[in-house]
Amino acid sequence: AAAAAAINIGVCALTYGSSPNADLHNAPRLYASADELVIQGEISGHTERIDGAVLGAVRHVEELRAAADVLENLDGDRPRAVLVDGPLTVAGLAGRVFPDFVLRTLISEGFAGAMERFRQASEGQALAVAGYTSLPGHDEVIRALTLALPDDDATPPTDGVSDRDVFERLLPPGHRSALFAASGHPLESHQLGHTTVNFYVNTGDEIGRAEFPAWMADDLQTVELLHAVLLDQCRR
């Protein structure tokens, strides 16, 4: 069988207000030739096949680049929000050891490159950028709480408990949590300073997780913009 891969990037640009509009389009691409199906190191000449987790990372990076393209071509200065489905950071690469040229291509040039375009676009205008995960299974808050508890037989077990289980009890509908920054991300050294922060939000139907660039966390109005847009879109 012939080796090939296909990535279909879908974009939905919605405009609200006095002149509402919707621009929906997709851009499929077929990876079929030998050079399209590998990432090649510029110096070593070694290659890494684009499949599995690497293919997922390539798709993720291309989605971020497509979102940046749309953002940079929008007119006007109205508040904007860029949302991607799932985590904002590239997931799936942390469980294996990849050559440095693969991480440089996908994380330093791909992910961090797109994040820098978003950061530059945010200068002088209200811009929220985030990945939204529905029904997340993360446990960063649970692990932090466990570390804060005394290490004795009275410490409650946390196996199988996720952050979502905690915030289902704590967050009323429409409310969000405080901001959390996960440390020690295995790919952080390749992100060129573009680390992320997250909060949990009760949309009324579920507990979701929003992950966004750390530079957004310093601007409460932008965080509130993201919070409002997520609630609005989930209601719709």
Protein backbone atom coordinates (compact mmCIF):
# COMPACT_ATOMS: atom_id res chain seq x y z
CA ALA A 1 0.00 0.00 0.00
CA ALA A 2 1.21 3.51 -0.78
CA ALA A 3 2.17 5.67 2.20
CA ALA A 4 0.24 8.91 2.51
CA ALA A 5 -1.32 11.25 5.06
CA ALA A 6 -4.04 13.86 4.83
CA ILE A 7 -4.60 16.90 7.04
CA ASN A 8 -7.78 18.92 6.69
CA ILE A 9 -7.66 22.31 8.43
CA GLY A 10 -11.09 23.82 9.12
CA VAL A 11 -11.56 27.47 10.04
CA CYS A 12 -14.69 29.25 11.27
CA ALA A 13 -14.44 33.04 11.59
CA LEU A 14 -17.52 34.49 13.32
CA THR A 15 -18.25 38.21 13.58
CA TYR A 16 -20.84 39.49 16.04
CA GLY A 17 -22.33 42.96 16.43
CA SER A 18 -24.08 45.34 14.06
CA SER A 19 -22.63 43.63 10.95
CA PRO A 20 -22.58 39.91 11.78
CA ASN A 21 -20.84 37.52 9.44
CA ALA A 22 -19.59 33.95 9.23
CA ASP A 23 -16.71 32.70 7.10
CA LEU A 24 -16.36 28.91 7.10
CA HIS A 25 -13.77 27.17 5.00
CA ASN A 26 -11.40 24.23 5.03
CA ALA A 27 -8.05 23.49 3.42
CA PRO A 28 -7.19 19.81 2.89
CA ARG A 29 -3.63 18.81 2.10
CA LEU A 30 -2.32 15.43 0.97
CA TYR A 31 1.16 14.37 2.09
CA ALA A 32 2.24 11.76 -0.45
CA SER A 33 5.77 12.32 -1.75
CA ALA A 34 8.79 10.97 0.10
CA ASP A 35 10.00 14.41 1.23
CA GLU A 36 6.51 15.44 2.41
CA LEU A 37 6.22 12.43 4.71
CA VAL A 38 9.33 13.14 6.80
CA ILE A 39 10.88 15.88 8.90
CA GLN A 40 14.53 16.20 7.98
CA GLY A 41 17.35 17.60 10.07
CA GLU A 42 19.10 20.40 8.19
CA ILE A 43 22.55 19.54 9.51
CA SER A 44 22.46 15.81 10.19
CA GLY A 45 20.25 14.86 7.24
CA HIS A 46 18.45 12.38 9.50
CA THR A 47 14.70 12.03 9.06
CA GLU A 48 11.66 11.38 11.24
CA ARG A 49 8.59 9.91 9.63
CA ILE A 50 5.40 11.97 9.87
CA ASP A 51 2.94 9.54 11.40
CA GLY A 52 1.37 8.82 14.77
CA ALA A 53 2.17 11.49 17.37
CA VAL A 54 4.31 13.44 14.89
CA LEU A 55 1.43 13.63 12.42
CA GLY A 56 -0.85 14.87 15.22
CA ALA A 57 1.71 17.54 16.13
CA VAL A 58 2.02 18.66 12.51
CA ARG A 59 -1.77 19.00 12.29
CA HIS A 60 -1.82 21.00 15.53
CA VAL A 61 0.89 23.40 14.33
CA GLU A 62 -0.86 23.88 10.98
CA GLU A 63 -4.10 24.71 12.81
CA LEU A 64 -2.35 27.39 14.85
CA ARG A 65 -0.73 28.85 11.74
CA ALA A 66 -4.08 28.91 9.94
CA ALA A 67 -5.65 30.73 12.90
CA ALA A 68 -2.82 33.27 12.90
CA ASP A 69 -3.31 33.82 9.15
CA VAL A 70 -7.02 34.55 9.65
CA LEU A 71 -6.33 36.85 12.59
CA GLU A 72 -3.72 38.89 10.73
CA ASN A 73 -6.10 39.44 7.83
CA LEU A 74 -9.02 40.75 9.89
CA ASP A 75 -9.90 44.43 9.64
CA GLY A 76 -10.92 46.69 12.49
CA ASP A 77 -9.97 46.81 16.15
CA ARG A 78 -12.89 45.05 17.84
CA PRO A 79 -12.11 42.52 20.64
CA ARG A 80 -11.17 39.10 19.26
CA ALA A 81 -10.84 35.56 20.51
CA VAL A 82 -9.00 32.69 18.82
CA LEU A 83 -10.11 29.25 20.00
CA VAL A 84 -8.73 25.83 19.13
CA ASP A 85 -10.19 22.48 20.10
CA GLY A 86 -8.23 20.77 22.88
CA PRO A 87 -4.95 21.87 24.47
CA LEU A 88 -3.18 24.95 23.15
CA THR A 89 0.25 23.37 23.55
CA VAL A 90 1.34 20.51 21.32
CA ALA A 91 0.28 17.25 22.96
CA GLY A 92 1.42 13.70 22.28
CA LEU A 93 5.17 14.22 21.94
CA ALA A 94 6.07 14.12 25.63
CA GLY A 95 5.89 10.34 26.00
CA ARG A 96 8.74 9.58 23.58
CA VAL A 97 12.26 10.77 22.91
CA PHE A 98 12.49 12.64 19.61
CA PRO A 99 15.56 14.06 17.86
CA ASP A 100 16.24 17.72 18.56
CA PHE A 101 15.51 18.71 14.95
CA VAL A 102 11.97 17.31 15.28
CA LEU A 103 11.27 19.31 18.45
CA ARG A 104 12.85 22.41 16.94
CA THR A 105 10.64 22.13 13.83
CA LEU A 106 7.39 21.39 15.64
CA ILE A 107 7.77 23.26 18.93
CA SER A 108 10.32 26.08 18.54
CA GLU A 109 9.48 27.02 14.94
CA GLY A 110 5.91 25.71 14.80
CA PHE A 111 4.17 26.22 18.15
CA ALA A 112 6.34 29.07 19.49
CA GLY A 113 6.35 30.75 16.08
CA ALA A 114 2.55 30.83 16.00
CA MET A 115 2.39 32.02 19.63
CA GLU A 116 4.72 34.90 18.81
CA ARG A 117 2.45 35.93 15.92
CA PHE A 118 -0.51 35.95 18.33
CA ARG A 119 1.46 37.97 20.88
CA GLN A 120 2.38 40.58 18.28
CA ALA A 121 -1.23 40.75 17.08
CA SER A 122 -2.35 41.40 20.67
CA GLU A 123 -0.37 44.63 20.92
CA GLY A 124 -2.80 47.53 21.03
CA GLN A 125 -5.98 45.44 20.87
CA ALA A 126 -8.01 43.03 22.99
CA LEU A 127 -7.09 39.51 21.89
CA ALA A 128 -7.71 36.24 23.72
CA VAL A 129 -6.05 33.04 22.45
CA ALA A 130 -6.87 29.68 24.00
CA GLY A 131 -7.37 25.98 23.60
CA TYR A 132 -10.58 24.63 25.15
CA THR A 133 -10.79 21.05 26.41
CA SER A 134 -14.23 19.59 27.05
CA LEU A 135 -14.46 17.19 30.02
CA PRO A 136 -10.70 17.36 30.76
CA GLY A 137 -8.90 14.58 32.59
CA HIS A 138 -6.01 16.69 33.93
CA ASP A 139 -4.90 16.37 37.56
CA GLU A 140 -2.44 19.25 38.13
CA VAL A 141 -4.58 20.82 40.85
CA ILE A 142 -5.17 17.47 42.54
CA ARG A 143 -1.42 16.77 42.61
CA ALA A 144 -0.70 20.25 44.01
CA LEU A 145 -3.30 19.73 46.75
CA THR A 146 -1.82 16.34 47.57
CA LEU A 147 1.62 17.87 48.03
CA ALA A 148 0.14 20.41 50.45
CA LEU A 149 -1.46 17.72 52.62
CA PRO A 150 0.39 16.02 55.50
CA ASP A 151 1.94 12.70 54.56
CA ASP A 152 0.11 10.39 56.92
CA ASP A 153 -2.53 7.71 56.93
CA ALA A 154 -5.29 10.35 57.07
CA THR A 155 -4.40 11.70 53.61
CA PRO A 156 -7.31 10.82 51.30
CA PRO A 157 -6.49 8.74 48.19
CA THR A 158 -6.55 10.65 44.91
CA ASP A 159 -6.11 7.81 42.39
CA GLY A 160 -8.61 8.26 39.58
CA VAL A 161 -9.65 11.73 40.77
CA SER A 162 -9.31 14.55 38.25
CA ASP A 163 -9.38 18.32 38.61
CA ARG A 164 -12.80 18.23 36.99
CA ASP A 165 -14.16 16.23 39.93
CA VAL A 166 -13.04 18.98 42.31
CA PHE A 167 -14.41 21.89 40.31
CA GLU A 168 -17.75 20.19 39.71
CA ARG A 169 -18.26 20.70 43.45
CA LEU A 170 -16.68 24.15 43.76
CA LEU A 171 -17.70 26.15 40.67
CA PRO A 172 -21.28 27.44 40.24
CA PRO A 173 -22.54 27.63 36.63
CA GLY A 174 -20.88 30.48 34.74
CA HIS A 175 -17.95 30.77 37.13
CA ARG A 176 -14.27 30.04 36.52
CA SER A 177 -11.45 29.01 38.80
CA ALA A 178 -8.31 30.92 39.65
CA LEU A 179 -5.44 30.69 37.17
CA PHE A 180 -3.04 27.76 37.32
CA ALA A 181 0.38 27.44 35.72
CA ALA A 182 1.73 23.91 35.32
CA SER A 183 5.49 23.73 35.78
CA GLY A 184 7.97 21.24 34.45
CA HIS A 185 6.41 20.67 31.00
CA PRO A 186 8.77 18.23 29.25
CA LEU A 187 8.89 20.41 26.11
CA GLU A 188 9.16 23.76 27.89
CA SER A 189 12.81 24.27 26.92
CA HIS A 190 11.77 24.23 23.25
CA GLN A 191 8.84 26.68 23.66
CA LEU A 192 11.10 29.78 23.63
CA GLY A 193 9.37 31.30 26.64
CA HIS A 194 5.84 30.72 25.37
CA THR A 195 4.52 28.95 28.45
CA THR A 196 0.82 28.58 29.23
CA VAL A 197 -1.68 29.16 32.03
CA ASN A 198 -5.11 27.62 32.48
CA PHE A 199 -8.38 27.93 34.31
CA TYR A 200 -11.40 25.68 34.75
CA VAL A 201 -14.86 26.95 33.93
CA ASN A 202 -18.38 25.70 34.62
CA THR A 203 -20.21 26.35 31.36
CA GLY A 204 -23.54 25.24 32.82
CA ASP A 205 -23.36 21.86 31.08
CA GLU A 206 -19.84 20.74 31.93
CA ILE A 207 -16.50 21.64 33.48
CA GLY A 208 -14.10 22.74 30.74
CA ARG A 209 -10.43 23.70 30.78
CA ALA A 210 -9.03 26.75 28.99
CA GLU A 211 -5.30 26.87 28.27
CA PHE A 212 -3.83 30.18 27.10
CA PRO A 213 -0.48 32.00 26.75
CA ALA A 214 1.13 33.21 29.96
CA TRP A 215 1.38 36.74 28.55
CA MET A 216 -2.43 36.91 28.63
CA ALA A 217 -2.56 36.22 32.36
CA ASP A 218 -1.18 39.69 33.17
CA ASP A 219 -4.24 41.36 31.63
CA LEU A 220 -7.38 40.65 33.65
CA GLN A 221 -9.63 42.20 31.00
CA THR A 222 -8.33 39.75 28.38
CA VAL A 223 -8.84 36.81 30.74
CA GLU A 224 -12.39 38.05 31.35
CA LEU A 225 -12.90 38.35 27.58
CA LEU A 226 -11.88 34.71 27.17
CA HIS A 227 -14.17 33.67 30.02
CA ALA A 228 -17.13 35.52 28.48
CA VAL A 229 -16.52 34.18 24.95
CA LEU A 230 -16.29 30.58 26.18
CA LEU A 231 -19.57 30.86 28.07
CA ASP A 232 -21.24 32.53 25.08
CA GLN A 233 -20.04 29.92 22.59
CA CYS A 234 -20.93 26.99 24.84
CA ARG A 235 -24.45 28.39 25.28
CA ARG A 236 -24.80 28.66 21.51
